[in-house]
């Protein structure tokens, strides 16, 4: 998570994918997620590898129920061209 103050925070989800950040100052935040084998995701992005939507947090505000969907990464192989 990054903010308009360029403060980066990191957390790890539990087994159900739940996460939390505590004591964040008021500001605009961008939320992103990364997991091995998946395409990185940004909160509010309409498709993978697209910019997300900023979350605006007021002083002492709590935001709950945010959901992010991640897409599995794909790898394709092709036969070398043999002449």
Protein backbone atom coordinates (compact mmCIF):
# COMPACT_ATOMS: atom_id res chain seq x y z
CA UNK A 1 0.00 0.00 0.00
CA UNK A 2 1.34 3.43 -0.90
CA UNK A 3 -0.02 6.87 -0.07
CA UNK A 4 0.21 10.40 -1.39
CA UNK A 5 2.89 10.83 1.29
CA UNK A 6 4.94 8.09 -0.41
CA UNK A 7 4.67 5.87 2.66
CA UNK A 8 4.74 2.19 1.79
CA UNK A 9 3.16 -0.42 4.03
CA UNK A 10 3.13 -4.18 3.57
CA UNK A 11 1.05 -6.89 5.18
CA UNK A 12 0.35 -10.58 4.64
CA UNK A 13 -3.11 -12.11 4.32
CA UNK A 14 -4.39 -14.93 6.47
CA UNK A 15 -5.44 -18.29 4.98
CA UNK A 16 -8.79 -16.77 3.94
CA UNK A 17 -7.22 -13.76 2.21
CA UNK A 18 -8.13 -11.26 4.93
CA UNK A 19 -5.72 -8.45 5.72
CA UNK A 20 -5.57 -5.25 7.73
CA UNK A 21 -3.52 -2.10 8.13
CA UNK A 22 -3.74 -0.23 11.41
CA UNK A 23 -3.02 3.36 12.44
CA UNK A 24 -2.77 4.76 8.92
CA UNK A 25 -2.78 8.55 8.75
CA UNK A 26 -5.47 10.29 6.69
CA UNK A 27 -4.62 10.45 2.97
CA UNK A 28 -4.98 8.85 -0.45
CA UNK A 29 -3.78 5.25 -0.73
CA UNK A 30 -3.19 2.83 -3.59
CA UNK A 31 -3.68 -0.81 -2.68
CA UNK A 32 -1.96 -3.58 -4.62
CA UNK A 33 -1.52 -7.33 -4.20
CA UNK A 34 1.19 -9.73 -5.32
CA UNK A 35 1.35 -13.51 -5.15
CA UNK A 36 3.69 -15.92 -6.85
CA UNK A 37 1.99 -17.47 -9.89
CA UNK A 38 -0.51 -14.60 -10.23
CA UNK A 39 -0.57 -11.32 -12.15
CA UNK A 40 -0.09 -8.35 -9.75
CA UNK A 41 -3.41 -6.61 -9.00
CA UNK A 42 -4.41 -3.08 -8.02
CA UNK A 43 -7.58 -2.27 -6.07
CA UNK A 44 -10.27 -0.94 -8.40
CA UNK A 45 -8.51 -1.98 -11.63
CA UNK A 46 -10.90 -3.19 -14.31
CA UNK A 47 -8.35 -5.66 -15.70
CA UNK A 48 -4.94 -7.05 -14.76
CA UNK A 49 -2.01 -4.68 -15.31
CA UNK A 50 -4.30 -1.63 -15.24
CA UNK A 51 -4.12 1.26 -12.77
CA UNK A 52 -6.35 1.02 -9.76
CA UNK A 53 -8.49 3.45 -7.79
CA UNK A 54 -7.17 5.48 -4.88
CA UNK A 55 -8.72 4.93 -1.48
CA UNK A 56 -9.26 8.19 0.42
CA UNK A 57 -8.96 7.67 4.14
CA UNK A 58 -10.10 10.30 6.65
CA UNK A 59 -8.56 10.61 10.12
CA UNK A 60 -9.52 7.56 12.26
CA UNK A 61 -11.67 6.12 9.41
CA UNK A 62 -12.04 2.35 8.94
CA UNK A 63 -12.71 0.80 5.55
CA UNK A 64 -13.89 -2.81 5.52
CA UNK A 65 -14.96 -5.35 2.93
CA UNK A 66 -12.46 -4.50 0.19
CA UNK A 67 -12.15 -7.28 -2.39
CA UNK A 68 -9.45 -7.85 -4.96
CA UNK A 69 -9.48 -10.61 -7.56
CA UNK A 70 -6.20 -11.95 -8.85
CA UNK A 71 -5.62 -13.66 -12.20
CA UNK A 72 -3.37 -16.68 -12.50
CA UNK A 73 -0.28 -16.01 -14.60
CA UNK A 74 0.04 -18.03 -17.78
CA UNK A 75 3.10 -19.24 -19.56
CA UNK A 76 3.03 -20.51 -23.11
CA UNK A 77 5.72 -22.48 -24.85
CA UNK A 78 6.27 -23.00 -28.53
CA UNK A 79 8.44 -25.46 -30.43
CA UNK A 80 11.61 -23.98 -31.85
CA UNK A 81 11.52 -23.50 -35.61
CA UNK A 82 13.51 -26.35 -37.10
CA UNK A 83 14.65 -25.94 -40.68
